[in-house]
Structure formats: structure tokens, C-alpha cells
Amino acid sequence: MLRFAAVFCLAATGALAQEDDPMALQRCVWRCLADSPGAASAEYNECVARLCTEDGAPSGAGATSSSPAAISGTWRGGIAADGRTVFAGVDSPAGDGSGLFYMCDTAGQSYLMLYAADAPPGAFHLEVAGQRYTLNFDMARQQLTSNVAPRQGVLSALASGSSVSVVNPLGDRMFQVGLGNSRSTLEQAYSACGS
């Protein structure tokens, strides 16, 4: 069984960021990010200004530099526990071991996996750079997976975007992660699989 470690723990707070709690500002920024289409959106910036600042000025040190950390995520790759399947992916910020992974092998399998996702099978949306990719994920491989062609469609977007949001069939955003190192990690997987 594949086991993946989480990169960040995402917490939310409903209160204005307090200076006596150094993580309160970061939690506030994360909450705004989770409730918006992305860090470049007006909704995100308005939320940060409304909930995470005092009189329009940053509350506490590092408010501006903290926002990218909320969606940071460095992709990593390797060989799965079966010794044949290559993976390239990123852990979700939930801290529960879940994540988004591209999987392939030399026999021609090529698919995305929502590992350890707490969601029913169905049509998921992956949102990258303002584009929405709808993929049907099923449980054919004991995890939520969707067949994809190497280097095309959503994989091409994942290799060139800055972040991806995963939205479940009920329309709820499951998580948003950065795409740091995704291009090189995906290319290594393609090469290892002969794609």
C-alpha cells in the first residue's frame, strides 16, 4: 500500500488574526484561500483584507509573504510499493496522507489518482490557471483513479500551472496545492514509463 506524508497542516480560524498567536495570521490566510478560486482572485484579496488585516494594513509580520505558503506544494516522484508503477505527485495540505498523483508503468497504464480521498467516485474538477478539467474518477484500482494520456490535457496544465484545486462531485473544494516542480517530476515519470 502506498503511504504518503503530508506537507502542511491546514487549519482554519474564524477570528481576526491575533498578534499573540503567530500562526493565527497564517490560518486566516489559509482560510481565505480555501474559500476562494485562488490567490490571484479578488475574493481571496478581499477576504484577507477583511479578516486578516486591521484597517487595511497587514496584521502581524509577513502577511504578504505568507499567502504563497498556503498553496505551496512541491511535487515528488518515485516507484510505488508494487515496484512497477511510477508516481509523480503532491500531498494535500490536510495532513491526512491524501494527495494528487500521476501514475504510470511500462505496460501502458497512465492515470491520475486521488490517493486516500474521502469522496465518492464521480466527476471531479481539477482547476488550473482558470481552466476547469472534468475527469471521471472511479474505484477500479482500489483508489479514486481516472485514465489520462501522458503529456496531454490536464497533465499538460499541471506541468505549466502554479496551483491546482480539486473539487469533488458534490461541488466542494477538497484541497488546493501548488505545482512546484511538477513539470520536471512529471517528465521523469514519463521517461521512466517510456511515454
N, C-alpha and C. Protein backbone atom coordinates (compact mmCIF):
# COMPACT_ATOMS: atom_id res chain seq x y z
N MET A 1 0.85 -1.19 0.00
CA MET A 1 0.00 0.00 0.00
C MET A 1 0.89 1.24 0.00
N LEU A 2 0.52 2.19 -0.81
CA LEU A 2 1.28 3.44 -0.88
C LEU A 2 1.02 4.25 0.38
N ARG A 3 2.05 4.85 0.91
CA ARG A 3 1.88 5.74 2.06
C ARG A 3 2.56 7.05 1.71
N PHE A 4 1.85 8.12 1.89
CA PHE A 4 2.39 9.42 1.55
C PHE A 4 2.31 10.32 2.78
N ALA A 5 3.37 11.08 3.02
CA ALA A 5 3.39 12.01 4.15
C ALA A 5 2.84 13.35 3.70
N ALA A 6 2.14 14.00 4.54
CA ALA A 6 1.58 15.32 4.22
C ALA A 6 2.63 16.39 4.39
N VAL A 7 2.50 17.45 3.61
CA VAL A 7 3.46 18.53 3.66
C VAL A 7 3.06 19.61 4.66
N PHE A 8 1.79 19.96 4.67
CA PHE A 8 1.33 21.04 5.53
C PHE A 8 0.06 20.63 6.25
N CYS A 9 -0.17 21.22 7.39
CA CYS A 9 -1.41 21.02 8.13
C CYS A 9 -2.26 22.26 7.93
N LEU A 10 -3.45 22.10 7.37
CA LEU A 10 -4.32 23.23 7.09
C LEU A 10 -5.29 23.40 8.23
N ALA A 11 -5.31 24.57 8.80
CA ALA A 11 -6.24 24.86 9.88
C ALA A 11 -7.00 26.12 9.53
N ALA A 12 -8.18 26.26 10.05
CA ALA A 12 -8.99 27.45 9.77
C ALA A 12 -9.36 28.13 11.07
N THR A 13 -9.50 29.44 10.98
CA THR A 13 -9.93 30.20 12.14
C THR A 13 -10.98 31.20 11.70
N GLY A 14 -11.95 31.44 12.53
CA GLY A 14 -13.00 32.38 12.18
C GLY A 14 -12.72 33.76 12.73
N ALA A 15 -11.71 33.90 13.54
CA ALA A 15 -11.43 35.17 14.19
C ALA A 15 -10.37 35.94 13.43
N LEU A 16 -10.34 37.24 13.67
CA LEU A 16 -9.30 38.10 13.11
C LEU A 16 -7.95 37.62 13.63
N ALA A 17 -6.93 37.63 12.77
CA ALA A 17 -5.61 37.18 13.17
C ALA A 17 -5.12 37.96 14.39
N GLN A 18 -4.68 37.26 15.38
CA GLN A 18 -4.22 37.89 16.62
C GLN A 18 -2.70 37.88 16.67
N GLU A 19 -2.12 38.99 17.11
CA GLU A 19 -0.67 39.10 17.14
C GLU A 19 -0.04 38.21 18.20
N ASP A 20 -0.79 37.80 19.24
CA ASP A 20 -0.20 36.95 20.27
C ASP A 20 -0.11 35.49 19.83
N ASP A 21 -0.74 35.12 18.73
CA ASP A 21 -0.64 33.78 18.16
C ASP A 21 0.01 33.90 16.80
N PRO A 22 1.30 33.54 16.67
CA PRO A 22 1.99 33.74 15.40
C PRO A 22 1.38 32.95 14.23
N MET A 23 0.66 31.88 14.50
CA MET A 23 0.05 31.10 13.42
C MET A 23 -1.36 31.58 13.06
N ALA A 24 -1.93 32.48 13.85
CA ALA A 24 -3.29 32.94 13.59
C ALA A 24 -3.39 33.62 12.22
N LEU A 25 -2.41 34.44 11.89
CA LEU A 25 -2.41 35.11 10.60
C LEU A 25 -2.36 34.08 9.47
N GLN A 26 -1.48 33.09 9.60
CA GLN A 26 -1.35 32.08 8.54
C GLN A 26 -2.64 31.29 8.39
N ARG A 27 -3.27 30.92 9.51
CA ARG A 27 -4.53 30.18 9.43
C ARG A 27 -5.62 31.03 8.75
N CYS A 28 -5.62 32.31 9.05
CA CYS A 28 -6.59 33.22 8.44
C CYS A 28 -6.37 33.29 6.92
N VAL A 29 -5.13 33.42 6.50
CA VAL A 29 -4.80 33.47 5.08
C VAL A 29 -5.20 32.16 4.41
N TRP A 30 -4.91 31.02 5.07
CA TRP A 30 -5.29 29.72 4.51
C TRP A 30 -6.80 29.60 4.35
N ARG A 31 -7.53 30.10 5.35
CA ARG A 31 -8.99 30.04 5.29
C ARG A 31 -9.50 30.83 4.09
N CYS A 32 -8.96 32.02 3.89
CA CYS A 32 -9.37 32.84 2.75
C CYS A 32 -9.06 32.14 1.44
N LEU A 33 -7.91 31.52 1.37
CA LEU A 33 -7.52 30.82 0.15
C LEU A 33 -8.45 29.64 -0.12
N ALA A 34 -8.79 28.89 0.92
CA ALA A 34 -9.68 27.73 0.76
C ALA A 34 -11.07 28.14 0.31
N ASP A 35 -11.51 29.33 0.68
CA ASP A 35 -12.85 29.80 0.34
C ASP A 35 -12.89 30.64 -0.93
N SER A 36 -11.80 30.64 -1.70
CA SER A 36 -11.74 31.47 -2.91
C SER A 36 -11.27 30.65 -4.10
N PRO A 37 -11.36 31.21 -5.32
CA PRO A 37 -10.87 30.50 -6.50
C PRO A 37 -9.34 30.46 -6.61
N GLY A 38 -8.63 31.21 -5.79
CA GLY A 38 -7.17 31.21 -5.85
C GLY A 38 -6.57 32.50 -5.34
N ALA A 39 -5.26 32.49 -5.14
CA ALA A 39 -4.57 33.63 -4.55
C ALA A 39 -4.60 34.87 -5.43
N ALA A 40 -4.84 34.71 -6.71
CA ALA A 40 -4.88 35.87 -7.61
C ALA A 40 -6.28 36.47 -7.71
N SER A 41 -7.26 35.84 -7.05
CA SER A 41 -8.64 36.29 -7.20
C SER A 41 -8.97 37.47 -6.30
N ALA A 42 -9.99 38.22 -6.73
CA ALA A 42 -10.47 39.34 -5.93
C ALA A 42 -11.08 38.86 -4.62
N GLU A 43 -11.77 37.70 -4.65
CA GLU A 43 -12.38 37.16 -3.43
C GLU A 43 -11.33 36.89 -2.37
N TYR A 44 -10.21 36.30 -2.78
CA TYR A 44 -9.13 36.00 -1.84
C TYR A 44 -8.58 37.28 -1.22
N ASN A 45 -8.27 38.25 -2.07
CA ASN A 45 -7.68 39.50 -1.57
C ASN A 45 -8.63 40.26 -0.67
N GLU A 46 -9.93 40.25 -1.01
CA GLU A 46 -10.92 40.91 -0.16
C GLU A 46 -11.05 40.22 1.19
N CYS A 47 -11.02 38.89 1.18
CA CYS A 47 -11.11 38.13 2.42
C CYS A 47 -9.91 38.43 3.32
N VAL A 48 -8.71 38.42 2.75
CA VAL A 48 -7.51 38.72 3.54
C VAL A 48 -7.60 40.13 4.11
N ALA A 49 -8.03 41.07 3.28
CA ALA A 49 -8.15 42.45 3.76
C ALA A 49 -9.20 42.57 4.86
N ARG A 50 -10.29 41.82 4.73
CA ARG A 50 -11.39 41.92 5.69
C ARG A 50 -11.11 41.18 7.00
N LEU A 51 -10.58 39.96 6.90
CA LEU A 51 -10.43 39.12 8.09
C LEU A 51 -9.02 39.07 8.68
N CYS A 52 -8.02 39.29 7.85
CA CYS A 52 -6.64 39.05 8.30
C CYS A 52 -5.84 40.33 8.48
N THR A 53 -6.46 41.48 8.32
CA THR A 53 -5.76 42.75 8.49
C THR A 53 -6.54 43.66 9.40
N GLU A 54 -5.88 44.66 9.87
CA GLU A 54 -6.52 45.69 10.67
C GLU A 54 -6.42 47.00 9.90
N ASP A 55 -7.56 47.60 9.57
CA ASP A 55 -7.63 48.87 8.84
C ASP A 55 -6.90 48.80 7.50
N GLY A 56 -6.94 47.64 6.83
CA GLY A 56 -6.32 47.51 5.52
C GLY A 56 -4.83 47.29 5.54
N ALA A 57 -4.21 47.30 6.72
CA ALA A 57 -2.77 47.04 6.81
C ALA A 57 -2.56 45.63 7.32
N PRO A 58 -1.45 44.99 6.95
CA PRO A 58 -1.22 43.63 7.40
C PRO A 58 -1.22 43.53 8.92
N SER A 59 -1.87 42.50 9.44
CA SER A 59 -1.90 42.24 10.88
C SER A 59 -0.79 41.27 11.22
N GLY A 60 0.20 41.73 11.91
CA GLY A 60 1.34 40.87 12.22
C GLY A 60 2.34 40.89 11.09
N ALA A 61 3.49 40.29 11.32
CA ALA A 61 4.56 40.30 10.33
C ALA A 61 4.29 39.28 9.24
N GLY A 62 4.67 39.63 8.03
CA GLY A 62 4.69 38.67 6.93
C GLY A 62 3.36 38.35 6.29
N ALA A 63 2.36 39.20 6.35
CA ALA A 63 1.07 38.86 5.77
C ALA A 63 1.18 38.63 4.27
N THR A 64 1.92 39.48 3.59
CA THR A 64 2.05 39.32 2.16
C THR A 64 2.87 38.09 1.81
N SER A 65 3.96 37.87 2.51
CA SER A 65 4.80 36.73 2.18
C SER A 65 4.20 35.41 2.63
N SER A 66 3.20 35.44 3.50
CA SER A 66 2.60 34.20 3.97
C SER A 66 1.64 33.59 2.96
N SER A 67 1.00 34.39 2.12
CA SER A 67 -0.03 33.84 1.25
C SER A 67 0.47 32.76 0.29
N PRO A 68 1.65 32.83 -0.32
CA PRO A 68 2.07 31.74 -1.19
C PRO A 68 2.25 30.42 -0.44
N ALA A 69 2.60 30.46 0.82
CA ALA A 69 2.80 29.22 1.57
C ALA A 69 1.52 28.43 1.70
N ALA A 70 0.38 29.12 1.62
CA ALA A 70 -0.89 28.44 1.77
C ALA A 70 -1.15 27.45 0.64
N ILE A 71 -0.60 27.72 -0.53
CA ILE A 71 -0.80 26.80 -1.63
C ILE A 71 0.51 26.22 -2.14
N SER A 72 1.53 26.27 -1.31
CA SER A 72 2.78 25.69 -1.76
C SER A 72 2.63 24.18 -1.79
N GLY A 73 3.39 23.58 -2.60
CA GLY A 73 3.39 22.13 -2.71
C GLY A 73 4.44 21.75 -3.71
N THR A 74 5.39 20.97 -3.30
CA THR A 74 6.44 20.52 -4.21
C THR A 74 6.16 19.09 -4.60
N TRP A 75 6.08 18.85 -5.88
CA TRP A 75 5.84 17.51 -6.38
C TRP A 75 7.07 16.65 -6.16
N ARG A 76 6.83 15.40 -5.98
CA ARG A 76 7.91 14.42 -5.81
C ARG A 76 7.54 13.18 -6.60
N GLY A 77 8.52 12.38 -6.88
CA GLY A 77 8.26 11.18 -7.66
C GLY A 77 9.01 9.99 -7.13
N GLY A 78 8.71 8.82 -7.66
CA GLY A 78 9.37 7.60 -7.23
C GLY A 78 8.67 6.38 -7.78
N ILE A 79 8.97 5.25 -7.17
CA ILE A 79 8.38 3.97 -7.53
C ILE A 79 7.42 3.57 -6.43
N ALA A 80 6.21 3.15 -6.81
CA ALA A 80 5.20 2.72 -5.84
C ALA A 80 5.61 1.39 -5.21
N ALA A 81 4.88 1.00 -4.18
CA ALA A 81 5.21 -0.20 -3.42
C ALA A 81 5.19 -1.48 -4.27
N ASP A 82 4.46 -1.48 -5.40
CA ASP A 82 4.42 -2.69 -6.24
C ASP A 82 5.71 -2.88 -7.04
N GLY A 83 6.61 -1.88 -7.02
CA GLY A 83 7.90 -1.99 -7.70
C GLY A 83 7.83 -1.76 -9.20
N ARG A 84 6.63 -1.55 -9.76
CA ARG A 84 6.46 -1.37 -11.21
C ARG A 84 5.87 -0.02 -11.58
N THR A 85 5.03 0.51 -10.72
CA THR A 85 4.32 1.73 -11.03
C THR A 85 5.14 2.94 -10.59
N VAL A 86 5.26 3.90 -11.49
CA VAL A 86 5.98 5.14 -11.22
C VAL A 86 4.95 6.19 -10.82
N PHE A 87 5.31 7.02 -9.85
CA PHE A 87 4.38 8.08 -9.45
C PHE A 87 5.07 9.44 -9.47
N ALA A 88 4.26 10.47 -9.67
CA ALA A 88 4.67 11.86 -9.56
C ALA A 88 3.48 12.59 -8.97
N GLY A 89 3.67 13.25 -7.85
CA GLY A 89 2.51 13.91 -7.25
C GLY A 89 2.84 14.75 -6.05
N VAL A 90 1.76 15.18 -5.41
CA VAL A 90 1.88 16.12 -4.30
C VAL A 90 0.86 15.73 -3.23
N ASP A 91 1.26 15.88 -1.98
CA ASP A 91 0.36 15.61 -0.86
C ASP A 91 -0.58 16.78 -0.66
N SER A 92 -1.80 16.49 -0.21
CA SER A 92 -2.73 17.57 0.09
C SER A 92 -2.30 18.24 1.39
N PRO A 93 -2.74 19.47 1.63
CA PRO A 93 -2.36 20.17 2.85
C PRO A 93 -3.14 19.70 4.09
N ALA A 94 -4.03 18.73 3.94
CA ALA A 94 -4.90 18.31 5.04
C ALA A 94 -4.15 17.56 6.14
N GLY A 95 -2.99 17.01 5.83
CA GLY A 95 -2.22 16.28 6.83
C GLY A 95 -2.74 14.87 7.07
N ASP A 96 -3.56 14.35 6.14
CA ASP A 96 -4.14 13.02 6.32
C ASP A 96 -3.56 11.98 5.38
N GLY A 97 -2.49 12.32 4.66
CA GLY A 97 -1.86 11.38 3.74
C GLY A 97 -2.48 11.37 2.36
N SER A 98 -3.51 12.15 2.12
CA SER A 98 -4.15 12.18 0.81
C SER A 98 -3.34 13.05 -0.14
N GLY A 99 -3.65 12.93 -1.44
CA GLY A 99 -2.95 13.76 -2.40
C GLY A 99 -3.34 13.45 -3.82
N LEU A 100 -2.75 14.18 -4.74
CA LEU A 100 -2.98 14.04 -6.18
C LEU A 100 -1.71 13.48 -6.80
N PHE A 101 -1.83 12.35 -7.52
CA PHE A 101 -0.67 11.68 -8.08
C PHE A 101 -0.93 11.22 -9.50
N TYR A 102 0.08 11.41 -10.34
CA TYR A 102 0.08 10.80 -11.67
C TYR A 102 0.78 9.47 -11.53
N MET A 103 0.20 8.42 -12.12
CA MET A 103 0.76 7.08 -12.03
C MET A 103 0.90 6.52 -13.45
N CYS A 104 1.98 5.77 -13.69
CA CYS A 104 2.15 5.13 -14.99
C CYS A 104 3.07 3.92 -14.84
N ASP A 105 3.09 3.09 -15.87
CA ASP A 105 4.01 1.95 -15.89
C ASP A 105 4.41 1.64 -17.33
N THR A 106 5.34 0.74 -17.51
CA THR A 106 5.83 0.41 -18.85
C THR A 106 4.83 -0.42 -19.64
N ALA A 107 3.78 -0.93 -19.00
CA ALA A 107 2.74 -1.68 -19.70
C ALA A 107 1.71 -0.77 -20.35
N GLY A 108 1.86 0.55 -20.19
CA GLY A 108 0.98 1.50 -20.85
C GLY A 108 -0.10 2.12 -19.98
N GLN A 109 -0.15 1.76 -18.71
CA GLN A 109 -1.12 2.42 -17.83
C GLN A 109 -0.69 3.86 -17.57
N SER A 110 -1.65 4.77 -17.59
CA SER A 110 -1.39 6.18 -17.35
C SER A 110 -2.66 6.77 -16.75
N TYR A 111 -2.58 7.22 -15.49
CA TYR A 111 -3.78 7.69 -14.82
C TYR A 111 -3.45 8.65 -13.68
N LEU A 112 -4.45 9.45 -13.31
CA LEU A 112 -4.36 10.29 -12.13
C LEU A 112 -5.02 9.56 -10.98
N MET A 113 -4.48 9.73 -9.78
CA MET A 113 -5.03 9.11 -8.59
C MET A 113 -5.25 10.17 -7.52
N LEU A 114 -6.44 10.15 -6.94
CA LEU A 114 -6.71 10.94 -5.74
C LEU A 114 -6.55 9.96 -4.58
N TYR A 115 -5.34 9.92 -4.06
CA TYR A 115 -5.00 8.93 -3.05
C TYR A 115 -5.64 9.28 -1.71
N ALA A 116 -6.24 8.26 -1.08
CA ALA A 116 -6.85 8.39 0.25
C ALA A 116 -7.87 9.52 0.32
N ALA A 117 -8.57 9.75 -0.80
CA ALA A 117 -9.56 10.83 -0.85
C ALA A 117 -10.85 10.39 -0.17
N ASP A 118 -11.39 11.25 0.64
CA ASP A 118 -12.65 10.99 1.32
C ASP A 118 -13.78 11.56 0.47
N ALA A 119 -14.09 10.87 -0.64
CA ALA A 119 -15.11 11.34 -1.57
C ALA A 119 -15.61 10.15 -2.37
N PRO A 120 -16.85 10.24 -2.84
CA PRO A 120 -17.40 9.16 -3.68
C PRO A 120 -16.85 9.25 -5.10
N PRO A 121 -16.88 8.16 -5.85
CA PRO A 121 -16.50 8.22 -7.26
C PRO A 121 -17.43 9.16 -8.01
N GLY A 122 -16.97 9.67 -9.13
CA GLY A 122 -17.80 10.54 -9.95
C GLY A 122 -16.97 11.56 -10.71
N ALA A 123 -17.62 12.61 -11.15
CA ALA A 123 -16.98 13.66 -11.95
C ALA A 123 -16.32 14.68 -11.02
N PHE A 124 -15.00 14.69 -11.00
CA PHE A 124 -14.22 15.64 -10.24
C PHE A 124 -13.75 16.74 -11.18
N HIS A 125 -13.52 17.92 -10.62
CA HIS A 125 -13.00 19.03 -11.40
C HIS A 125 -11.62 19.38 -10.88
N LEU A 126 -10.66 19.47 -11.78
CA LEU A 126 -9.33 19.98 -11.45
C LEU A 126 -9.22 21.34 -12.11
N GLU A 127 -9.00 22.36 -11.30
CA GLU A 127 -8.95 23.74 -11.79
C GLU A 127 -7.51 24.23 -11.77
N VAL A 128 -7.01 24.55 -12.97
CA VAL A 128 -5.62 25.00 -13.13
C VAL A 128 -5.63 26.24 -14.02
N ALA A 129 -5.04 27.32 -13.54
CA ALA A 129 -4.88 28.56 -14.32
C ALA A 129 -6.19 29.01 -14.96
N GLY A 130 -7.26 28.98 -14.21
CA GLY A 130 -8.55 29.43 -14.71
C GLY A 130 -9.28 28.45 -15.61
N GLN A 131 -8.68 27.30 -15.87
CA GLN A 131 -9.31 26.27 -16.69
C GLN A 131 -9.84 25.16 -15.79
N ARG A 132 -11.00 24.62 -16.14
CA ARG A 132 -11.59 23.52 -15.38
C ARG A 132 -11.53 22.25 -16.22
N TYR A 133 -10.93 21.21 -15.67
CA TYR A 133 -10.84 19.91 -16.33
C TYR A 133 -11.73 18.95 -15.54
N THR A 134 -12.72 18.38 -16.20
CA THR A 134 -13.63 17.45 -15.54
C THR A 134 -13.21 16.03 -15.91
N LEU A 135 -12.93 15.24 -14.89
CA LEU A 135 -12.49 13.86 -15.08
C LEU A 135 -13.35 12.93 -14.24
N ASN A 136 -13.71 11.79 -14.81
CA ASN A 136 -14.47 10.80 -14.07
C ASN A 136 -13.49 9.90 -13.31
N PHE A 137 -13.57 9.93 -11.99
CA PHE A 137 -12.74 9.08 -11.14
C PHE A 137 -13.58 7.91 -10.64
N ASP A 138 -13.05 6.69 -10.77
CA ASP A 138 -13.74 5.51 -10.26
C ASP A 138 -12.82 4.75 -9.30
N MET A 139 -13.32 3.65 -8.75
CA MET A 139 -12.56 2.87 -7.76
C MET A 139 -11.99 1.59 -8.37
N ALA A 140 -11.75 1.56 -9.67
CA ALA A 140 -11.27 0.36 -10.36
C ALA A 140 -9.92 -0.12 -9.82
N ARG A 141 -9.13 0.77 -9.26
CA ARG A 141 -7.80 0.41 -8.75
C ARG A 141 -7.73 0.51 -7.22
N GLN A 142 -8.83 0.42 -6.54
CA GLN A 142 -8.96 0.50 -5.08
C GLN A 142 -8.68 1.90 -4.52
N GLN A 143 -8.47 2.86 -5.38
CA GLN A 143 -8.37 4.28 -5.05
C GLN A 143 -9.11 5.02 -6.15
N LEU A 144 -9.42 6.27 -5.93
CA LEU A 144 -10.06 7.05 -6.98
C LEU A 144 -9.05 7.33 -8.08
N THR A 145 -9.31 6.80 -9.29
CA THR A 145 -8.40 6.99 -10.41
C THR A 145 -9.16 7.36 -11.68
N SER A 146 -8.45 8.03 -12.58
CA SER A 146 -9.00 8.42 -13.88
C SER A 146 -7.91 8.27 -14.93
N ASN A 147 -8.18 7.53 -15.98
CA ASN A 147 -7.22 7.33 -17.06
C ASN A 147 -6.97 8.64 -17.78
N VAL A 148 -5.70 8.96 -18.02
CA VAL A 148 -5.30 10.16 -18.75
C VAL A 148 -4.15 9.82 -19.69
N ALA A 149 -4.07 10.52 -20.80
CA ALA A 149 -2.97 10.33 -21.74
C ALA A 149 -1.76 11.13 -21.28
N PRO A 150 -0.56 10.53 -21.33
CA PRO A 150 0.65 11.26 -20.93
C PRO A 150 0.82 12.56 -21.72
N ARG A 151 1.27 13.61 -21.02
CA ARG A 151 1.62 14.90 -21.62
C ARG A 151 0.45 15.65 -22.25
N GLN A 152 -0.77 15.21 -22.07
CA GLN A 152 -1.88 15.88 -22.73
C GLN A 152 -2.92 16.37 -21.73
N GLY A 153 -3.78 17.29 -22.20
CA GLY A 153 -4.90 17.77 -21.41
C GLY A 153 -4.51 18.28 -20.04
N VAL A 154 -5.10 17.69 -19.03
CA VAL A 154 -4.90 18.14 -17.66
C VAL A 154 -3.44 17.97 -17.23
N LEU A 155 -2.76 16.94 -17.73
CA LEU A 155 -1.35 16.75 -17.34
C LEU A 155 -0.48 17.88 -17.88
N SER A 156 -0.77 18.33 -19.08
CA SER A 156 -0.05 19.48 -19.63
C SER A 156 -0.30 20.72 -18.78
N ALA A 157 -1.53 20.91 -18.33
CA ALA A 157 -1.86 22.04 -17.47
C ALA A 157 -1.15 21.93 -16.13
N LEU A 158 -1.12 20.73 -15.55
CA LEU A 158 -0.45 20.55 -14.27
C LEU A 158 1.05 20.85 -14.37
N ALA A 159 1.62 20.58 -15.53
CA ALA A 159 3.05 20.83 -15.73
C ALA A 159 3.37 22.31 -15.91
N SER A 160 2.37 23.11 -16.26
CA SER A 160 2.66 24.51 -16.54
C SER A 160 1.97 25.49 -15.60
N GLY A 161 1.06 25.02 -14.76
CA GLY A 161 0.33 25.92 -13.86
C GLY A 161 1.10 26.20 -12.58
N SER A 162 0.51 27.05 -11.74
CA SER A 162 1.13 27.37 -10.45
C SER A 162 0.41 26.69 -9.28
N SER A 163 -0.88 26.35 -9.47
CA SER A 163 -1.61 25.63 -8.43
C SER A 163 -2.78 24.89 -9.06
N VAL A 164 -3.29 23.90 -8.34
CA VAL A 164 -4.45 23.14 -8.78
C VAL A 164 -5.43 23.02 -7.62
N SER A 165 -6.70 23.21 -7.91
CA SER A 165 -7.77 22.97 -6.94
C SER A 165 -8.50 21.71 -7.36
N VAL A 166 -8.80 20.85 -6.38
CA VAL A 166 -9.53 19.62 -6.64
C VAL A 166 -10.92 19.78 -6.03
N VAL A 167 -11.94 19.65 -6.88
CA VAL A 167 -13.34 19.83 -6.47
C VAL A 167 -14.05 18.49 -6.64
N ASN A 168 -14.72 18.02 -5.58
CA ASN A 168 -15.36 16.71 -5.62
C ASN A 168 -16.69 16.75 -6.37
N PRO A 169 -17.31 15.58 -6.61
CA PRO A 169 -18.57 15.55 -7.37
C PRO A 169 -19.71 16.35 -6.74
N LEU A 170 -19.63 16.65 -5.46
CA LEU A 170 -20.66 17.44 -4.79
C LEU A 170 -20.43 18.94 -4.95
N GLY A 171 -19.32 19.31 -5.58
CA GLY A 171 -19.01 20.72 -5.79
C GLY A 171 -18.19 21.34 -4.68
N ASP A 172 -17.70 20.54 -3.73
CA ASP A 172 -16.89 21.05 -2.63
C ASP A 172 -15.41 20.98 -2.99
N ARG A 173 -14.69 22.06 -2.69
CA ARG A 173 -13.25 22.06 -2.91
C ARG A 173 -12.61 21.16 -1.85
N MET A 174 -11.92 20.13 -2.30
CA MET A 174 -11.25 19.20 -1.38
C MET A 174 -9.94 19.79 -0.88
N PHE A 175 -9.15 20.31 -1.82
CA PHE A 175 -7.90 20.94 -1.45
C PHE A 175 -7.35 21.71 -2.64
N GLN A 176 -6.40 22.59 -2.34
CA GLN A 176 -5.66 23.33 -3.36
C GLN A 176 -4.20 23.18 -3.02
N VAL A 177 -3.39 22.84 -4.01
CA VAL A 177 -1.96 22.67 -3.80
C VAL A 177 -1.19 23.36 -4.91
N GLY A 178 0.05 23.69 -4.60
CA GLY A 178 0.92 24.28 -5.59
C GLY A 178 1.45 23.23 -6.54
N LEU A 179 2.01 23.70 -7.63
CA LEU A 179 2.54 22.80 -8.65
C LEU A 179 4.06 22.97 -8.79
N GLY A 180 4.71 23.35 -7.68
CA GLY A 180 6.16 23.48 -7.71
C GLY A 180 6.82 22.16 -8.10
N ASN A 181 7.71 22.21 -9.06
CA ASN A 181 8.47 21.04 -9.50
C ASN A 181 7.63 20.04 -10.28
N SER A 182 6.39 20.37 -10.62
CA SER A 182 5.53 19.39 -11.30
C SER A 182 6.04 19.03 -12.69
N ARG A 183 6.51 20.04 -13.44
CA ARG A 183 6.96 19.75 -14.81
C ARG A 183 8.09 18.73 -14.83
N SER A 184 9.13 18.97 -14.06
CA SER A 184 10.28 18.05 -14.09
C SER A 184 9.92 16.68 -13.50
N THR A 185 9.08 16.67 -12.48
CA THR A 185 8.70 15.40 -11.86
C THR A 185 7.83 14.57 -12.81
N LEU A 186 6.91 15.22 -13.51
CA LEU A 186 6.10 14.51 -14.50
C LEU A 186 6.96 14.01 -15.65
N GLU A 187 7.91 14.82 -16.11
CA GLU A 187 8.79 14.39 -17.19
C GLU A 187 9.61 13.15 -16.79
N GLN A 188 10.06 13.11 -15.54
CA GLN A 188 10.79 11.94 -15.06
C GLN A 188 9.89 10.70 -15.08
N ALA A 189 8.64 10.87 -14.69
CA ALA A 189 7.71 9.74 -14.71
C ALA A 189 7.46 9.28 -16.14
N TYR A 190 7.23 10.22 -17.07
CA TYR A 190 7.02 9.84 -18.46
C TYR A 190 8.21 9.04 -19.00
N SER A 191 9.41 9.52 -18.71
CA SER A 191 10.61 8.85 -19.19
C SER A 191 10.73 7.45 -18.60
N ALA A 192 10.48 7.30 -17.31
CA ALA A 192 10.57 6.01 -16.65
C ALA A 192 9.55 5.02 -17.21
N CYS A 193 8.41 5.53 -17.68
CA CYS A 193 7.36 4.67 -18.21
C CYS A 193 7.46 4.49 -19.73
N GLY A 194 8.43 5.15 -20.34
CA GLY A 194 8.59 5.03 -21.79
C GLY A 194 7.57 5.81 -22.58
N SER A 195 7.02 6.87 -21.98
CA SER A 195 5.99 7.67 -22.68
C SER A 195 6.62 8.82 -23.44
